[in-house]
Amino acid sequence: MKNGNGTDSIMAGESLNQARLLLERGIEQILRRESDLADECASLRSKVEESNQALAESQAVLAREIESRAAAEKNQTGQIARALEAERQDWQQQIKARDELLKKTQVRLEAVTVLLQNQQAAAAALKEEIVALELEREEHEKSLCQARTEALAEREARIAAEAIAALADQTQKSLKTELLHRKELEQQMQAYVASLSSLCGKMEPKRAKA
């Protein structure tokens, strides 16, 4: 039984030694790990400080840039506002000028409308007058045509009368000439008869003597 207990004790001692060695190794590993973690933490802390410093610098740069941009935007906003105000005033002046021009144009349009209405009324009156004149002209043309017809008939009648008068004059002249000729013939006949009578008177005594 003692031998068995001794063996068990030796085995237990060896187990304890192994456990102790394992524990020491584990502790060494843990210590190395802690040292590594401490180094890593120190490195990370340094990096964090560098990052914080870079962040602070970046924030400062960003703040300056924001301030600069704000000032630039404020200046630009002021310029834009002034430009918009100038453009608004320009547009107002243009609108005012256009309104005045529109009013003047409307007045002129009303005047032109009244003038056009007057002209239309005058044109209508003139058209009526033209129609009346046209009717009067037609009547005048009819009268003139009738007068021309009458004048032509009168002229033809006058020409005919003149021709008749000329013919009558010529006939009268011919009759006068014929009468004169007949008178001359009668005178010649009377002279001839007288001559014959005288001759017969002269011959009768001679016959009686014979």
Protein backbone atom coordinates (compact mmCIF):
# COMPACT_ATOMS: atom_id res chain seq x y z
CA MET A 1 0.00 0.00 0.00
CA LYS A 2 2.91 2.34 0.78
CA ASN A 3 4.45 1.69 -2.61
CA GLY A 4 1.18 2.57 -4.18
CA ASN A 5 0.91 5.75 -2.20
CA GLY A 6 4.46 6.71 -3.10
CA THR A 7 3.79 6.21 -6.73
CA ASP A 8 0.70 8.29 -6.44
CA SER A 9 2.66 11.00 -4.71
CA ILE A 10 5.33 11.00 -7.38
CA MET A 11 2.71 11.19 -10.06
CA ALA A 12 0.92 13.94 -8.24
CA GLY A 13 4.19 15.84 -7.86
CA GLU A 14 4.92 15.48 -11.53
CA SER A 15 1.41 16.66 -12.31
CA LEU A 16 1.92 19.62 -10.07
CA ASN A 17 5.25 20.39 -11.73
CA GLN A 18 3.67 20.21 -15.12
CA ALA A 19 0.80 22.36 -13.94
CA ARG A 20 3.22 24.83 -12.43
CA LEU A 21 5.25 24.90 -15.63
CA LEU A 22 2.13 25.39 -17.64
CA LEU A 23 1.01 28.10 -15.24
CA GLU A 24 4.39 29.83 -15.46
CA ARG A 25 4.29 29.61 -19.22
CA GLY A 26 0.75 30.97 -19.18
CA ILE A 27 1.83 33.77 -16.86
CA GLU A 28 4.81 34.54 -19.07
CA GLN A 29 2.55 34.59 -22.07
CA ILE A 30 0.12 36.79 -20.20
CA LEU A 31 2.93 39.12 -19.17
CA ARG A 32 4.26 39.23 -22.69
CA ARG A 33 0.75 39.83 -23.91
CA GLU A 34 0.31 42.59 -21.33
CA SER A 35 3.62 44.08 -22.42
CA ASP A 36 2.59 43.84 -26.04
CA LEU A 37 -0.78 45.33 -25.17
CA ALA A 38 0.92 48.10 -23.18
CA ASP A 39 3.17 48.84 -26.14
CA GLU A 40 0.24 48.68 -28.46
CA CYS A 41 -1.75 50.91 -26.10
CA ALA A 42 1.14 53.35 -25.95
CA SER A 43 1.38 53.28 -29.73
CA LEU A 44 -2.36 53.71 -30.01
CA ARG A 45 -2.29 56.51 -27.45
CA SER A 46 0.45 58.20 -29.43
CA LYS A 47 -1.53 57.73 -32.59
CA VAL A 48 -4.65 59.03 -30.84
CA GLU A 49 -2.72 62.09 -29.66
CA GLU A 50 -1.38 62.60 -33.18
CA SER A 51 -4.88 62.13 -34.54
CA ASN A 52 -6.27 64.56 -31.96
CA GLN A 53 -3.58 67.07 -32.84
CA ALA A 54 -4.20 66.57 -36.56
CA LEU A 55 -7.92 66.79 -35.86
CA ALA A 56 -7.42 70.03 -33.90
CA GLU A 57 -5.31 71.43 -36.72
CA SER A 58 -7.86 70.28 -39.25
CA GLN A 59 -10.63 71.80 -37.17
CA ALA A 60 -8.68 75.05 -36.93
CA VAL A 61 -8.05 75.00 -40.69
CA LEU A 62 -11.69 74.10 -41.25
CA ALA A 63 -12.81 76.88 -38.92
CA ARG A 64 -10.59 79.38 -40.74
CA GLU A 65 -11.84 78.10 -44.07
CA ILE A 66 -15.44 78.25 -42.87
CA GLU A 67 -14.86 81.76 -41.60
CA SER A 68 -13.18 82.72 -44.87
CA ARG A 69 -15.97 81.12 -46.86
CA ALA A 70 -18.55 82.81 -44.66
CA ALA A 71 -16.87 86.16 -45.23
CA ALA A 72 -16.57 85.45 -48.96
CA GLU A 73 -20.17 84.27 -49.08
CA LYS A 74 -21.22 87.35 -47.11
CA ASN A 75 -19.28 89.56 -49.52
CA GLN A 76 -20.62 87.65 -52.47
CA THR A 77 -24.11 87.78 -50.98
CA GLY A 78 -23.73 91.52 -50.58
CA GLN A 79 -22.53 91.87 -54.15
CA ILE A 80 -25.37 89.66 -55.36
CA ALA A 81 -27.84 91.64 -53.25
CA ARG A 82 -26.50 94.92 -54.64
CA ALA A 83 -26.55 93.51 -58.15
CA LEU A 84 -30.10 92.23 -57.61
CA GLU A 85 -31.14 95.58 -56.18
CA ALA A 86 -29.60 97.40 -59.14
CA GLU A 87 -31.26 94.96 -61.52
CA ARG A 88 -34.57 95.36 -59.66
CA GLN A 89 -34.33 99.12 -59.92
CA ASP A 90 -33.42 98.79 -63.59
CA TRP A 91 -36.40 96.49 -64.15
CA GLN A 92 -38.64 98.90 -62.25
CA GLN A 93 -37.45 101.78 -64.42
CA GLN A 94 -37.96 99.66 -67.53
CA ILE A 95 -41.42 98.62 -66.33
CA LYS A 96 -42.26 102.24 -65.53
CA ALA A 97 -41.01 103.35 -68.95
CA ARG A 98 -42.99 100.54 -70.58
CA ASP A 99 -46.09 101.49 -68.59
CA GLU A 100 -45.73 105.10 -69.69
CA LEU A 101 -45.15 103.98 -73.27
CA LEU A 102 -48.15 101.67 -73.00
CA LYS A 103 -50.29 104.52 -71.71
CA LYS A 104 -49.11 106.79 -74.52
CA THR A 105 -49.66 103.99 -77.02
CA GLN A 106 -53.13 103.36 -75.60
CA VAL A 107 -53.97 107.07 -75.87
CA ARG A 108 -52.66 107.11 -79.44
CA LEU A 109 -54.59 103.92 -80.15
CA GLU A 110 -57.77 105.46 -78.81
CA ALA A 111 -57.13 108.57 -80.92
CA VAL A 112 -56.43 106.39 -83.95
CA THR A 113 -59.58 104.38 -83.19
CA VAL A 114 -61.66 107.56 -83.04
CA LEU A 115 -59.98 108.79 -86.22
CA LEU A 116 -60.63 105.45 -87.87
CA GLN A 117 -64.26 105.55 -86.81
CA ASN A 118 -64.54 109.08 -88.18
CA GLN A 119 -62.84 107.99 -91.37
CA GLN A 120 -65.15 105.00 -91.61
CA ALA A 121 -68.16 107.29 -91.12
CA ALA A 122 -66.72 109.71 -93.67
CA ALA A 123 -66.02 106.80 -96.00
CA ALA A 124 -69.59 105.57 -95.57
CA ALA A 125 -70.91 109.07 -96.25
CA LEU A 126 -68.54 109.39 -99.20
CA LYS A 127 -69.68 106.01 -100.46
CA GLU A 128 -73.29 107.13 -100.24
CA GLU A 129 -72.35 110.37 -101.98
CA ILE A 130 -70.50 108.39 -104.65
CA VAL A 131 -73.55 106.18 -105.11
CA ALA A 132 -75.73 109.27 -105.39
CA LEU A 133 -73.26 110.86 -107.80
CA GLU A 134 -73.14 107.63 -109.76
CA LEU A 135 -76.91 107.61 -110.00
CA GLU A 136 -76.84 111.28 -110.95
CA ARG A 137 -74.11 110.54 -113.48
CA GLU A 138 -76.22 107.75 -114.93
CA GLU A 139 -79.18 110.14 -115.12
CA HIS A 140 -76.91 112.73 -116.72
CA GLU A 141 -75.63 110.13 -119.14
CA LYS A 142 -79.18 109.16 -119.97
CA SER A 143 -80.11 112.81 -120.40
CA LEU A 144 -76.96 113.42 -122.40
CA CYS A 145 -77.64 110.38 -124.54
CA GLN A 146 -81.18 111.57 -125.07
CA ALA A 147 -79.90 115.07 -125.77
CA ARG A 148 -77.35 113.65 -128.17
CA THR A 149 -80.08 111.63 -129.84
CA GLU A 150 -82.27 114.70 -130.06
CA ALA A 151 -79.32 116.83 -131.22
CA LEU A 152 -78.46 114.20 -133.79
CA ALA A 153 -82.06 114.07 -134.95
CA GLU A 154 -82.16 117.86 -134.97
CA ARG A 155 -78.86 117.97 -136.83
CA GLU A 156 -80.12 115.43 -139.32
CA ALA A 157 -83.32 117.41 -139.63
CA ARG A 158 -81.31 120.63 -140.02
CA ILE A 159 -79.08 118.99 -142.60
CA ALA A 160 -82.15 117.72 -144.37
CA ALA A 161 -83.75 121.17 -144.13
CA GLU A 162 -80.54 122.77 -145.35
CA ALA A 163 -80.42 120.26 -148.18
CA ILE A 164 -84.07 120.99 -148.98
CA ALA A 165 -83.40 124.69 -148.69
CA ALA A 166 -80.37 124.36 -150.93
CA LEU A 167 -82.37 122.26 -153.35
CA ALA A 168 -85.20 124.77 -153.19
CA ASP A 169 -82.75 127.61 -153.70
CA GLN A 170 -81.15 125.78 -156.55
CA THR A 171 -84.58 124.97 -157.96
CA GLN A 172 -85.61 128.61 -157.50
CA LYS A 173 -82.45 129.73 -159.23
CA SER A 174 -83.11 127.21 -162.00
CA LEU A 175 -86.70 128.45 -162.22
CA LYS A 176 -85.48 132.06 -162.34
CA THR A 177 -82.99 131.11 -165.03
CA GLU A 178 -85.70 129.22 -166.84
CA LEU A 179 -88.08 132.18 -166.50
CA LEU A 180 -85.45 134.55 -167.79
CA HIS A 181 -84.75 132.18 -170.62
CA ARG A 182 -88.45 131.93 -171.33
CA LYS A 183 -88.79 135.70 -171.19
CA GLU A 184 -85.93 135.98 -173.57
CA LEU A 185 -87.58 133.39 -175.80
CA GLU A 186 -90.89 135.21 -175.49
CA GLN A 187 -89.17 138.47 -176.33
CA GLN A 188 -87.44 136.78 -179.22
CA MET A 189 -90.78 135.23 -180.27
CA GLN A 190 -92.51 138.56 -179.92
CA ALA A 191 -89.74 140.19 -181.90
CA TYR A 192 -89.95 137.42 -184.46
CA VAL A 193 -93.73 137.66 -184.55
CA ALA A 194 -93.50 141.42 -184.86
CA SER A 195 -90.95 140.97 -187.60
CA LEU A 196 -93.22 138.46 -189.33
CA SER A 197 -96.17 140.72 -188.89
CA SER A 198 -94.21 143.60 -190.30
CA LEU A 199 -93.07 141.45 -193.15
CA CYS A 200 -96.60 140.19 -193.78
CA GLY A 201 -97.83 143.76 -193.69
CA LYS A 202 -95.32 144.73 -196.26
CA MET A 203 -96.12 141.74 -198.49
CA GLU A 204 -99.90 142.21 -198.46
CA PRO A 205 -99.85 145.46 -200.53
CA LYS A 206 -97.64 143.83 -203.03
CA ARG A 207 -100.11 140.94 -203.35
CA ALA A 208 -102.91 143.32 -203.77
CA LYS A 209 -101.16 145.08 -206.63
CA ALA A 210 -100.40 141.84 -208.27
